[in-house]
Amino acid sequence: QTYEMTVTRASTYTLLGSAGILIGPPLVGWVSDRTGNRTLLMAV
């Protein structure tokens, strides 16, 4: 409604959010396990 695009094209942008979920949690979890830091990473 805001950018006047089709549902299929709009879904590619929400796909980016899901792609972020695909990459971010394992990477942040790996860094947290390696450093032992939990709460600082959460706050940042």
PDB file of all heavy atoms in Angstrom:
ATOM      1  N   GLN A   1       0.811  -1.219   0.000  1.00  0.00           N
ATOM      2  CA  GLN A   1       0.000   0.000   0.000  1.00  0.00           C
ATOM      3  C   GLN A   1       0.845   1.271   0.000  1.00  0.00           C
ATOM      4  O   GLN A   1       0.443   2.281  -0.583  1.00  0.00           O
ATOM      5  CB  GLN A   1      -0.938  -0.018   1.209  1.00  0.00           C
ATOM      6  CG  GLN A   1      -1.944  -1.156   1.137  1.00  0.00           C
ATOM      7  CD  GLN A   1      -2.884  -1.215   2.328  1.00  0.00           C
ATOM      8  OE1 GLN A   1      -2.903  -0.328   3.176  1.00  0.00           O
ATOM      9  NE2 GLN A   1      -3.690  -2.267   2.408  1.00  0.00           N
ATOM     10  N   THR A   2       2.006   1.243   0.618  1.00  0.00           N
ATOM     11  CA  THR A   2       2.832   2.444   0.699  1.00  0.00           C
ATOM     12  C   THR A   2       3.695   2.618  -0.542  1.00  0.00           C
ATOM     13  O   THR A   2       3.925   3.751  -0.993  1.00  0.00           O
ATOM     14  CB  THR A   2       3.725   2.397   1.960  1.00  0.00           C
ATOM     15  OG1 THR A   2       2.890   2.215   3.105  1.00  0.00           O
ATOM     16  CG2 THR A   2       4.517   3.683   2.123  1.00  0.00           C
ATOM     17  N   TYR A   3       4.173   1.523  -1.100  1.00  0.00           N
ATOM     18  CA  TYR A   3       5.082   1.593  -2.256  1.00  0.00           C
ATOM     19  C   TYR A   3       4.425   1.118  -3.549  1.00  0.00           C
ATOM     20  O   TYR A   3       5.077   1.054  -4.591  1.00  0.00           O
ATOM     21  CB  TYR A   3       6.345   0.771  -1.979  1.00  0.00           C
ATOM     22  CG  TYR A   3       7.207   1.371  -0.883  1.00  0.00           C
ATOM     23  CD1 TYR A   3       7.000   1.039   0.437  1.00  0.00           C
ATOM     24  CD2 TYR A   3       8.208   2.293  -1.174  1.00  0.00           C
ATOM     25  CE1 TYR A   3       7.766   1.597   1.457  1.00  0.00           C
ATOM     26  CE2 TYR A   3       8.992   2.858  -0.174  1.00  0.00           C
ATOM     27  CZ  TYR A   3       8.757   2.509   1.139  1.00  0.00           C
ATOM     28  OH  TYR A   3       9.531   3.067   2.140  1.00  0.00           O
ATOM     29  N   GLU A   4       3.138   0.751  -3.465  1.00  0.00           N
ATOM     30  CA  GLU A   4       2.361   0.334  -4.638  1.00  0.00           C
ATOM     31  C   GLU A   4       3.050  -0.779  -5.423  1.00  0.00           C
ATOM     32  O   GLU A   4       3.253  -0.694  -6.629  1.00  0.00           O
ATOM     33  CB  GLU A   4       2.094   1.550  -5.554  1.00  0.00           C
ATOM     34  CG  GLU A   4       1.278   2.638  -4.862  1.00  0.00           C
ATOM     35  CD  GLU A   4       1.016   3.832  -5.770  1.00  0.00           C
ATOM     36  OE1 GLU A   4       1.647   3.903  -6.836  1.00  0.00           O
ATOM     37  OE2 GLU A   4       0.180   4.669  -5.395  1.00  0.00           O
ATOM     38  N   MET A   5       3.404  -1.846  -4.706  1.00  0.00           N
ATOM     39  CA  MET A   5       4.030  -2.998  -5.358  1.00  0.00           C
ATOM     40  C   MET A   5       3.133  -4.218  -5.200  1.00  0.00           C
ATOM     41  O   MET A   5       2.184  -4.206  -4.407  1.00  0.00           O
ATOM     42  CB  MET A   5       5.426  -3.263  -4.778  1.00  0.00           C
ATOM     43  CG  MET A   5       5.469  -3.507  -3.272  1.00  0.00           C
ATOM     44  SD  MET A   5       7.148  -3.899  -2.652  1.00  0.00           S
ATOM     45  CE  MET A   5       8.018  -2.374  -2.941  1.00  0.00           C
ATOM     46  N   THR A   6       3.422  -5.255  -5.953  1.00  0.00           N
ATOM     47  CA  THR A   6       2.629  -6.479  -5.868  1.00  0.00           C
ATOM     48  C   THR A   6       2.956  -7.230  -4.581  1.00  0.00           C
ATOM     49  O   THR A   6       4.001  -7.004  -3.956  1.00  0.00           O
ATOM     50  CB  THR A   6       2.932  -7.403  -7.061  1.00  0.00           C
ATOM     51  OG1 THR A   6       4.310  -7.827  -6.987  1.00  0.00           O
ATOM     52  CG2 THR A   6       2.685  -6.694  -8.390  1.00  0.00           C
ATOM     53  N   VAL A   7       2.059  -8.145  -4.219  1.00  0.00           N
ATOM     54  CA  VAL A   7       2.298  -8.969  -3.027  1.00  0.00           C
ATOM     55  C   VAL A   7       3.569  -9.792  -3.197  1.00  0.00           C
ATOM     56  O   VAL A   7       4.379  -9.911  -2.263  1.00  0.00           O
ATOM     57  CB  VAL A   7       1.087  -9.885  -2.761  1.00  0.00           C
ATOM     58  CG1 VAL A   7       1.420 -10.933  -1.696  1.00  0.00           C
ATOM     59  CG2 VAL A   7      -0.123  -9.069  -2.337  1.00  0.00           C
ATOM     60  N   THR A   8       3.776 -10.348  -4.379  1.00  0.00           N
ATOM     61  CA  THR A   8       4.968 -11.177  -4.613  1.00  0.00           C
ATOM     62  C   THR A   8       6.238 -10.357  -4.436  1.00  0.00           C
ATOM     63  O   THR A   8       7.189 -10.788  -3.776  1.00  0.00           O
ATOM     64  CB  THR A   8       4.927 -11.806  -6.015  1.00  0.00           C
ATOM     65  OG1 THR A   8       3.749 -12.607  -6.138  1.00  0.00           O
ATOM     66  CG2 THR A   8       6.149 -12.667  -6.254  1.00  0.00           C
ATOM     67  N   ARG A   9       6.265  -9.151  -5.001  1.00  0.00           N
ATOM     68  CA  ARG A   9       7.462  -8.320  -4.845  1.00  0.00           C
ATOM     69  C   ARG A   9       7.633  -7.867  -3.395  1.00  0.00           C
ATOM     70  O   ARG A   9       8.744  -7.868  -2.861  1.00  0.00           O
ATOM     71  CB  ARG A   9       7.392  -7.095  -5.757  1.00  0.00           C
ATOM     72  CG  ARG A   9       8.702  -6.297  -5.714  1.00  0.00           C
ATOM     73  CD  ARG A   9       8.673  -5.056  -6.571  1.00  0.00           C
ATOM     74  NE  ARG A   9       9.854  -4.244  -6.300  1.00  0.00           N
ATOM     75  CZ  ARG A   9       9.901  -2.928  -6.409  1.00  0.00           C
ATOM     76  NH1 ARG A   9       8.815  -2.268  -6.795  1.00  0.00           N
ATOM     77  NH2 ARG A   9      11.009  -2.268  -6.149  1.00  0.00           N
ATOM     78  N   ALA A  10       6.537  -7.498  -2.743  1.00  0.00           N
ATOM     79  CA  ALA A  10       6.615  -7.080  -1.342  1.00  0.00           C
ATOM     80  C   ALA A  10       7.160  -8.201  -0.473  1.00  0.00           C
ATOM     81  O   ALA A  10       7.911  -7.961   0.487  1.00  0.00           O
ATOM     82  CB  ALA A  10       5.243  -6.648  -0.851  1.00  0.00           C
ATOM     83  N   SER A  11       6.796  -9.435  -0.801  1.00  0.00           N
ATOM     84  CA  SER A  11       7.240 -10.570   0.008  1.00  0.00           C
ATOM     85  C   SER A  11       8.753 -10.761  -0.052  1.00  0.00           C
ATOM     86  O   SER A  11       9.338 -11.362   0.854  1.00  0.00           O
ATOM     87  CB  SER A  11       6.533 -11.849  -0.435  1.00  0.00           C
ATOM     88  OG  SER A  11       6.971 -12.262  -1.720  1.00  0.00           O
ATOM     89  N   THR A  12       9.400 -10.235  -1.114  1.00  0.00           N
ATOM     90  CA  THR A  12      10.858 -10.363  -1.185  1.00  0.00           C
ATOM     91  C   THR A  12      11.532  -9.522  -0.101  1.00  0.00           C
ATOM     92  O   THR A  12      12.650  -9.827   0.330  1.00  0.00           O
ATOM     93  CB  THR A  12      11.405  -9.947  -2.564  1.00  0.00           C
ATOM     94  OG1 THR A  12      11.117  -8.559  -2.801  1.00  0.00           O
ATOM     95  CG2 THR A  12      10.800 -10.776  -3.676  1.00  0.00           C
ATOM     96  N   TYR A  13      10.872  -8.466   0.349  1.00  0.00           N
ATOM     97  CA  TYR A  13      11.452  -7.631   1.407  1.00  0.00           C
ATOM     98  C   TYR A  13      11.249  -8.267   2.782  1.00  0.00           C
ATOM     99  O   TYR A  13      12.147  -8.203   3.635  1.00  0.00           O
ATOM    100  CB  TYR A  13      10.858  -6.218   1.356  1.00  0.00           C
ATOM    101  CG  TYR A  13      11.362  -5.445   0.165  1.00  0.00           C
ATOM    102  CD1 TYR A  13      10.690  -5.485  -1.051  1.00  0.00           C
ATOM    103  CD2 TYR A  13      12.542  -4.718   0.242  1.00  0.00           C
ATOM    104  CE1 TYR A  13      11.159  -4.815  -2.165  1.00  0.00           C
ATOM    105  CE2 TYR A  13      13.028  -4.033  -0.861  1.00  0.00           C
ATOM    106  CZ  TYR A  13      12.337  -4.086  -2.066  1.00  0.00           C
ATOM    107  OH  TYR A  13      12.828  -3.428  -3.167  1.00  0.00           O
ATOM    108  N   THR A  14      10.100  -8.884   3.015  1.00  0.00           N
ATOM    109  CA  THR A  14       9.958  -9.625   4.267  1.00  0.00           C
ATOM    110  C   THR A  14      10.841 -10.871   4.248  1.00  0.00           C
ATOM    111  O   THR A  14      11.270 -11.341   5.308  1.00  0.00           O
ATOM    112  CB  THR A  14       8.492 -10.023   4.522  1.00  0.00           C
ATOM    113  OG1 THR A  14       7.971 -10.731   3.390  1.00  0.00           O
ATOM    114  CG2 THR A  14       7.641  -8.781   4.776  1.00  0.00           C
ATOM    115  N   LEU A  15      11.148 -11.368   3.042  1.00  0.00           N
ATOM    116  CA  LEU A  15      12.121 -12.459   2.917  1.00  0.00           C
ATOM    117  C   LEU A  15      13.467 -12.042   3.485  1.00  0.00           C
ATOM    118  O   LEU A  15      14.172 -12.844   4.104  1.00  0.00           O
ATOM    119  CB  LEU A  15      12.250 -12.876   1.450  1.00  0.00           C
ATOM    120  CG  LEU A  15      13.164 -14.060   1.108  1.00  0.00           C
ATOM    121  CD1 LEU A  15      12.668 -14.742  -0.169  1.00  0.00           C
ATOM    122  CD2 LEU A  15      14.620 -13.636   0.888  1.00  0.00           C
ATOM    123  N   LEU A  16      13.835 -10.757   3.305  1.00  0.00           N
ATOM    124  CA  LEU A  16      15.099 -10.276   3.859  1.00  0.00           C
ATOM    125  C   LEU A  16      15.105 -10.395   5.382  1.00  0.00           C
ATOM    126  O   LEU A  16      16.146 -10.706   5.982  1.00  0.00           O
ATOM    127  CB  LEU A  16      15.334  -8.818   3.451  1.00  0.00           C
ATOM    128  CG  LEU A  16      15.665  -8.572   1.982  1.00  0.00           C
ATOM    129  CD1 LEU A  16      15.697  -7.074   1.687  1.00  0.00           C
ATOM    130  CD2 LEU A  16      17.007  -9.212   1.631  1.00  0.00           C
ATOM    131  N   GLY A  17      13.950 -10.132   6.008  1.00  0.00           N
ATOM    132  CA  GLY A  17      13.866 -10.313   7.454  1.00  0.00           C
ATOM    133  C   GLY A  17      14.102 -11.754   7.846  1.00  0.00           C
ATOM    134  O   GLY A  17      14.843 -12.043   8.798  1.00  0.00           O
ATOM    135  N   SER A  18      13.506 -12.686   7.115  1.00  0.00           N
ATOM    136  CA  SER A  18      13.696 -14.105   7.410  1.00  0.00           C
ATOM    137  C   SER A  18      15.129 -14.537   7.113  1.00  0.00           C
ATOM    138  O   SER A  18      15.684 -15.393   7.827  1.00  0.00           O
ATOM    139  CB  SER A  18      12.713 -14.940   6.589  1.00  0.00           C
ATOM    140  OG  SER A  18      11.381 -14.662   6.983  1.00  0.00           O
ATOM    141  N   ALA A  19      15.736 -13.950   6.074  1.00  0.00           N
ATOM    142  CA  ALA A  19      17.146 -14.239   5.791  1.00  0.00           C
ATOM    143  C   ALA A  19      18.024 -13.772   6.944  1.00  0.00           C
ATOM    144  O   ALA A  19      19.008 -14.434   7.312  1.00  0.00           O
ATOM    145  CB  ALA A  19      17.572 -13.566   4.487  1.00  0.00           C
ATOM    146  N   GLY A  20      17.669 -12.637   7.530  1.00  0.00           N
ATOM    147  CA  GLY A  20      18.403 -12.166   8.703  1.00  0.00           C
ATOM    148  C   GLY A  20      18.295 -13.139   9.854  1.00  0.00           C
ATOM    149  O   GLY A  20      19.284 -13.413  10.559  1.00  0.00           O
ATOM    150  N   ILE A  21      17.101 -13.705  10.064  1.00  0.00           N
ATOM    151  CA  ILE A  21      16.905 -14.702  11.123  1.00  0.00           C
ATOM    152  C   ILE A  21      17.704 -15.965  10.824  1.00  0.00           C
ATOM    153  O   ILE A  21      18.214 -16.631  11.730  1.00  0.00           O
ATOM    154  CB  ILE A  21      15.407 -15.026  11.280  1.00  0.00           C
ATOM    155  CG1 ILE A  21      14.656 -13.785  11.783  1.00  0.00           C
ATOM    156  CG2 ILE A  21      15.189 -16.197  12.229  1.00  0.00           C
ATOM    157  CD1 ILE A  21      13.153 -13.934  11.825  1.00  0.00           C
ATOM    158  N   LEU A  22      17.846 -16.283   9.550  1.00  0.00           N
ATOM    159  CA  LEU A  22      18.621 -17.452   9.151  1.00  0.00           C
ATOM    160  C   LEU A  22      20.101 -17.282   9.511  1.00  0.00           C
ATOM    161  O   LEU A  22      20.772 -18.228   9.932  1.00  0.00           O
ATOM    162  CB  LEU A  22      18.459 -17.679   7.647  1.00  0.00           C
ATOM    163  CG  LEU A  22      19.249 -18.825   7.007  1.00  0.00           C
ATOM    164  CD1 LEU A  22      18.802 -20.149   7.582  1.00  0.00           C
ATOM    165  CD2 LEU A  22      19.066 -18.810   5.499  1.00  0.00           C
ATOM    166  N   ILE A  23      20.616 -16.066   9.385  1.00  0.00           N
ATOM    167  CA  ILE A  23      22.052 -15.817   9.574  1.00  0.00           C
ATOM    168  C   ILE A  23      22.382 -15.360  10.991  1.00  0.00           C
ATOM    169  O   ILE A  23      23.349 -15.818  11.602  1.00  0.00           O
ATOM    170  CB  ILE A  23      22.539 -14.749   8.564  1.00  0.00           C
ATOM    171  CG1 ILE A  23      22.337 -15.247   7.134  1.00  0.00           C
ATOM    172  CG2 ILE A  23      24.007 -14.400   8.804  1.00  0.00           C
ATOM    173  CD1 ILE A  23      22.521 -14.169   6.082  1.00  0.00           C
ATOM    174  N   GLY A  24      21.582 -14.440  11.539  1.00  0.00           N
ATOM    175  CA  GLY A  24      21.937 -13.780  12.780  1.00  0.00           C
ATOM    176  C   GLY A  24      22.006 -14.662  14.013  1.00  0.00           C
ATOM    177  O   GLY A  24      23.036 -14.688  14.707  1.00  0.00           O
ATOM    178  N   PRO A  25      20.940 -15.400  14.357  1.00  0.00           N
ATOM    179  CA  PRO A  25      20.984 -16.199  15.592  1.00  0.00           C
ATOM    180  C   PRO A  25      22.128 -17.201  15.670  1.00  0.00           C
ATOM    181  O   PRO A  25      22.791 -17.288  16.713  1.00  0.00           O
ATOM    182  CB  PRO A  25      19.612 -16.877  15.599  1.00  0.00           C
ATOM    183  CG  PRO A  25      18.723 -15.900  14.889  1.00  0.00           C
ATOM    184  CD  PRO A  25      19.579 -15.342  13.782  1.00  0.00           C
ATOM    185  N   PRO A  26      22.439 -17.981  14.597  1.00  0.00           N
ATOM    186  CA  PRO A  26      23.597 -18.880  14.719  1.00  0.00           C
ATOM    187  C   PRO A  26      24.908 -18.121  14.907  1.00  0.00           C
ATOM    188  O   PRO A  26      25.765 -18.544  15.685  1.00  0.00           O
ATOM    189  CB  PRO A  26      23.604 -19.645  13.380  1.00  0.00           C
ATOM    190  CG  PRO A  26      22.240 -19.504  12.843  1.00  0.00           C
ATOM    191  CD  PRO A  26      21.748 -18.171  13.302  1.00  0.00           C
ATOM    192  N   LEU A  27      25.060 -16.979  14.208  1.00  0.00           N
ATOM    193  CA  LEU A  27      26.307 -16.222  14.318  1.00  0.00           C
ATOM    194  C   LEU A  27      26.450 -15.601  15.706  1.00  0.00           C
ATOM    195  O   LEU A  27      27.511 -15.695  16.340  1.00  0.00           O
ATOM    196  CB  LEU A  27      26.348 -15.136  13.239  1.00  0.00           C
ATOM    197  CG  LEU A  27      27.618 -14.266  13.219  1.00  0.00           C
ATOM    198  CD1 LEU A  27      28.856 -15.139  13.018  1.00  0.00           C
ATOM    199  CD2 LEU A  27      27.523 -13.214  12.110  1.00  0.00           C
ATOM    200  N   VAL A  28      25.380 -14.965  16.182  1.00  0.00           N
ATOM    201  CA  VAL A  28      25.424 -14.372  17.515  1.00  0.00           C
ATOM    202  C   VAL A  28      25.622 -15.453  18.573  1.00  0.00           C
ATOM    203  O   VAL A  28      26.390 -15.278  19.534  1.00  0.00           O
ATOM    204  CB  VAL A  28      24.144 -13.557  17.799  1.00  0.00           C
ATOM    205  CG1 VAL A  28      24.130 -13.056  19.243  1.00  0.00           C
ATOM    206  CG2 VAL A  28      24.046 -12.376  16.840  1.00  0.00           C
ATOM    207  N   GLY A  29      24.962 -16.594  18.414  1.00  0.00           N
ATOM    208  CA  GLY A  29      25.134 -17.705  19.350  1.00  0.00           C
ATOM    209  C   GLY A  29      26.553 -18.223  19.360  1.00  0.00           C
ATOM    210  O   GLY A  29      27.120 -18.517  20.417  1.00  0.00           O
ATOM    211  N   TRP A  30      27.170 -18.317  18.171  1.00  0.00           N
ATOM    212  CA  TRP A  30      28.563 -18.780  18.070  1.00  0.00           C
ATOM    213  C   TRP A  30      29.498 -17.806  18.775  1.00  0.00           C
ATOM    214  O   TRP A  30      30.384 -18.220  19.540  1.00  0.00           O
ATOM    215  CB  TRP A  30      28.937 -18.912  16.598  1.00  0.00           C
ATOM    216  CG  TRP A  30      30.377 -19.329  16.383  1.00  0.00           C
ATOM    217  CD1 TRP A  30      30.890 -20.592  16.457  1.00  0.00           C
ATOM    218  CD2 TRP A  30      31.485 -18.464  16.066  1.00  0.00           C
ATOM    219  NE1 TRP A  30      32.239 -20.571  16.207  1.00  0.00           N
ATOM    220  CE2 TRP A  30      32.636 -19.284  15.955  1.00  0.00           C
ATOM    221  CE3 TRP A  30      31.600 -17.093  15.847  1.00  0.00           C
ATOM    222  CZ2 TRP A  30      33.887 -18.764  15.652  1.00  0.00           C
ATOM    223  CZ3 TRP A  30      32.851 -16.571  15.541  1.00  0.00           C
ATOM    224  CH2 TRP A  30      33.979 -17.392  15.443  1.00  0.00           C
ATOM    225  N   VAL A  31      29.318 -16.499  18.535  1.00  0.00           N
ATOM    226  CA  VAL A  31      30.147 -15.491  19.200  1.00  0.00           C
ATOM    227  C   VAL A  31      29.955 -15.566  20.713  1.00  0.00           C
ATOM    228  O   VAL A  31      30.923 -15.489  21.489  1.00  0.00           O
ATOM    229  CB  VAL A  31      29.807 -14.071  18.681  1.00  0.00           C
ATOM    230  CG1 VAL A  31      30.512 -13.004  19.520  1.00  0.00           C
ATOM    231  CG2 VAL A  31      30.190 -13.930  17.215  1.00  0.00           C
ATOM    232  N   SER A  32      28.714 -15.738  21.146  1.00  0.00           N
ATOM    233  CA  SER A  32      28.429 -15.812  22.570  1.00  0.00           C
ATOM    234  C   SER A  32      29.081 -17.039  23.210  1.00  0.00           C
ATOM    235  O   SER A  32      29.655 -16.956  24.301  1.00  0.00           O
ATOM    236  CB  SER A  32      26.914 -15.845  22.798  1.00  0.00           C
ATOM    237  OG  SER A  32      26.612 -15.881  24.166  1.00  0.00           O
ATOM    238  N   ASP A  33      29.020 -18.181  22.522  1.00  0.00           N
ATOM    239  CA  ASP A  33      29.661 -19.388  23.053  1.00  0.00           C
ATOM    240  C   ASP A  33      31.178 -19.237  23.099  1.00  0.00           C
ATOM    241  O   ASP A  33      31.830 -19.699  24.047  1.00  0.00           O
ATOM    242  CB  ASP A  33      29.290 -20.609  22.195  1.00  0.00           C
ATOM    243  CG  ASP A  33      27.913 -21.164  22.524  1.00  0.00           C
ATOM    244  OD1 ASP A  33      27.431 -20.920  23.650  1.00  0.00           O
ATOM    245  OD2 ASP A  33      27.329 -21.838  21.656  1.00  0.00           O
ATOM    246  N   ARG A  34      31.753 -18.594  22.081  1.00  0.00           N
ATOM    247  CA  ARG A  34      33.205 -18.420  22.039  1.00  0.00           C
ATOM    248  C   ARG A  34      33.690 -17.451  23.103  1.00  0.00           C
ATOM    249  O   ARG A  34      34.766 -17.636  23.682  1.00  0.00           O
ATOM    250  CB  ARG A  34      33.638 -17.928  20.648  1.00  0.00           C
ATOM    251  CG  ARG A  34      33.531 -18.950  19.544  1.00  0.00           C
ATOM    252  CD  ARG A  34      34.519 -20.092  19.745  1.00  0.00           C
ATOM    253  NE  ARG A  34      35.900 -19.651  19.676  1.00  0.00           N
ATOM    254  CZ  ARG A  34      36.633 -19.639  18.564  1.00  0.00           C
ATOM    255  NH1 ARG A  34      36.087 -20.049  17.416  1.00  0.00           N
ATOM    256  NH2 ARG A  34      37.885 -19.236  18.584  1.00  0.00           N
ATOM    257  N   THR A  35      32.938 -16.395  23.357  1.00  0.00           N
ATOM    258  CA  THR A  35      33.374 -15.355  24.302  1.00  0.00           C
ATOM    259  C   THR A  35      32.816 -15.563  25.703  1.00  0.00           C
ATOM    260  O   THR A  35      33.325 -14.974  26.667  1.00  0.00           O
ATOM    261  CB  THR A  35      32.943 -13.963  23.809  1.00  0.00           C
ATOM    262  OG1 THR A  35      31.510 -13.895  23.766  1.00  0.00           O
ATOM    263  CG2 THR A  35      33.507 -13.676  22.422  1.00  0.00           C
ATOM    264  N   GLY A  36      31.756 -16.375  25.812  1.00  0.00           N
ATOM    265  CA  GLY A  36      31.094 -16.544  27.098  1.00  0.00           C
ATOM    266  C   GLY A  36      30.223 -15.366  27.485  1.00  0.00           C
ATOM    267  O   GLY A  36      29.704 -15.298  28.599  1.00  0.00           O
ATOM    268  N   ASN A  37      30.056 -14.419  26.561  1.00  0.00           N
ATOM    269  CA  ASN A  37      29.279 -13.214  26.871  1.00  0.00           C
ATOM    270  C   ASN A  37      27.852 -13.382  26.378  1.00  0.00           C
ATOM    271  O   ASN A  37      27.622 -13.755  25.231  1.00  0.00           O
ATOM    272  CB  ASN A  37      29.925 -11.990  26.213  1.00  0.00           C
ATOM    273  CG  ASN A  37      29.426 -10.694  26.816  1.00  0.00           C
ATOM    274  OD1 ASN A  37      28.233 -10.427  26.794  1.00  0.00           O
ATOM    275  ND2 ASN A  37      30.333  -9.919  27.379  1.00  0.00           N
ATOM    276  N   ARG A  38      26.902 -13.104  27.236  1.00  0.00           N
ATOM    277  CA  ARG A  38      25.494 -13.218  26.873  1.00  0.00           C
ATOM    278  C   ARG A  38      24.803 -11.855  26.931  1.00  0.00           C
ATOM    279  O   ARG A  38      24.271 -11.359  25.956  1.00  0.00           O
ATOM    280  CB  ARG A  38      24.767 -14.186  27.827  1.00  0.00           C
ATOM    281  CG  ARG A  38      25.454 -15.513  28.092  1.00  0.00           C
ATOM    282  CD  ARG A  38      25.525 -16.412  26.903  1.00  0.00           C
ATOM    283  NE  ARG A  38      25.903 -17.769  27.287  1.00  0.00           N
ATOM    284  CZ  ARG A  38      26.452 -18.641  26.468  1.00  0.00           C
ATOM    285  NH1 ARG A  38      26.696 -18.319  25.206  1.00  0.00           N
ATOM    286  NH2 ARG A  38      26.764 -19.863  26.880  1.00  0.00           N
ATOM    287  N   THR A  39      24.822 -11.243  28.120  1.00  0.00           N
ATOM    288  CA  THR A  39      23.976 -10.070  28.348  1.00  0.00           C
ATOM    289  C   THR A  39      24.448  -8.825  27.602  1.00  0.00           C
ATOM    290  O   THR A  39      23.618  -8.026  27.161  1.00  0.00           O
ATOM    291  CB  THR A  39      23.884  -9.771  29.851  1.00  0.00           C
ATOM    292  OG1 THR A  39      25.197  -9.596  30.382  1.00  0.00           O
ATOM    293  CG2 THR A  39      23.197 -10.920  30.581  1.00  0.00           C
ATOM    294  N   LEU A  40      25.771  -8.652  27.450  1.00  0.00           N
ATOM    295  CA  LEU A  40      26.253  -7.478  26.711  1.00  0.00           C
ATOM    296  C   LEU A  40      25.854  -7.564  25.245  1.00  0.00           C
ATOM    297  O   LEU A  40      25.401  -6.576  24.650  1.00  0.00           O
ATOM    298  CB  LEU A  40      27.772  -7.351  26.836  1.00  0.00           C
ATOM    299  CG  LEU A  40      28.403  -6.157  26.098  1.00  0.00           C
ATOM    300  CD1 LEU A  40      27.832  -4.842  26.614  1.00  0.00           C
ATOM    301  CD2 LEU A  40      29.922  -6.184  26.229  1.00  0.00           C
ATOM    302  N   LEU A  41      26.009  -8.736  24.663  1.00  0.00           N
ATOM    303  CA  LEU A  41      25.596  -8.923  23.271  1.00  0.00           C
ATOM    304  C   LEU A  41      24.098  -8.664  23.121  1.00  0.00           C
ATOM    305  O   LEU A  41      23.646  -8.074  22.135  1.00  0.00           O
ATOM    306  CB  LEU A  41      25.924 -10.350  22.811  1.00  0.00           C
ATOM    307  CG  LEU A  41      27.387 -10.645  22.456  1.00  0.00           C
ATOM    308  CD1 LEU A  41      27.564 -12.132  22.202  1.00  0.00           C
ATOM    309  CD2 LEU A  41      27.813  -9.843  21.236  1.00  0.00           C
ATOM    310  N   MET A  42      23.321  -9.106  24.095  1.00  0.00           N
ATOM    311  CA  MET A  42      21.879  -8.876  24.043  1.00  0.00           C
ATOM    312  C   MET A  42      21.574  -7.382  24.054  1.00  0.00           C
ATOM    313  O   MET A  42      20.759  -6.896  23.259  1.00  0.00           O
ATOM    314  CB  MET A  42      21.183  -9.570  25.223  1.00  0.00           C
ATOM    315  CG  MET A  42      19.684  -9.303  25.297  1.00  0.00           C
ATOM    316  SD  MET A  42      18.899 -10.036  26.749  1.00  0.00           S
ATOM    317  CE  MET A  42      18.647 -11.714  26.171  1.00  0.00           C
ATOM    318  N   ALA A  43      22.220  -6.629  24.951  1.00  0.00           N
ATOM    319  CA  ALA A  43      21.940  -5.191  25.082  1.00  0.00           C
ATOM    320  C   ALA A  43      22.351  -4.424  23.829  1.00  0.00           C
ATOM    321  O   ALA A  43      21.595  -3.581  23.322  1.00  0.00           O
ATOM    322  CB  ALA A  43      22.652  -4.633  26.310  1.00  0.00           C
ATOM    323  N   VAL A  44      23.530  -4.714  23.308  1.00  0.00           N
ATOM    324  CA  VAL A  44      23.991  -4.025  22.095  1.00  0.00           C
ATOM    325  C   VAL A  44      23.070  -4.346  20.925  1.00  0.00           C
ATOM    326  O   VAL A  44      22.697  -3.465  20.132  1.00  0.00           O
ATOM    327  CB  VAL A  44      25.449  -4.423  21.772  1.00  0.00           C
ATOM    328  CG1 VAL A  44      25.866  -3.896  20.406  1.00  0.00           C
ATOM    329  CG2 VAL A  44      26.392  -3.901  22.855  1.00  0.00           C
TER     330      VAL A  44
END
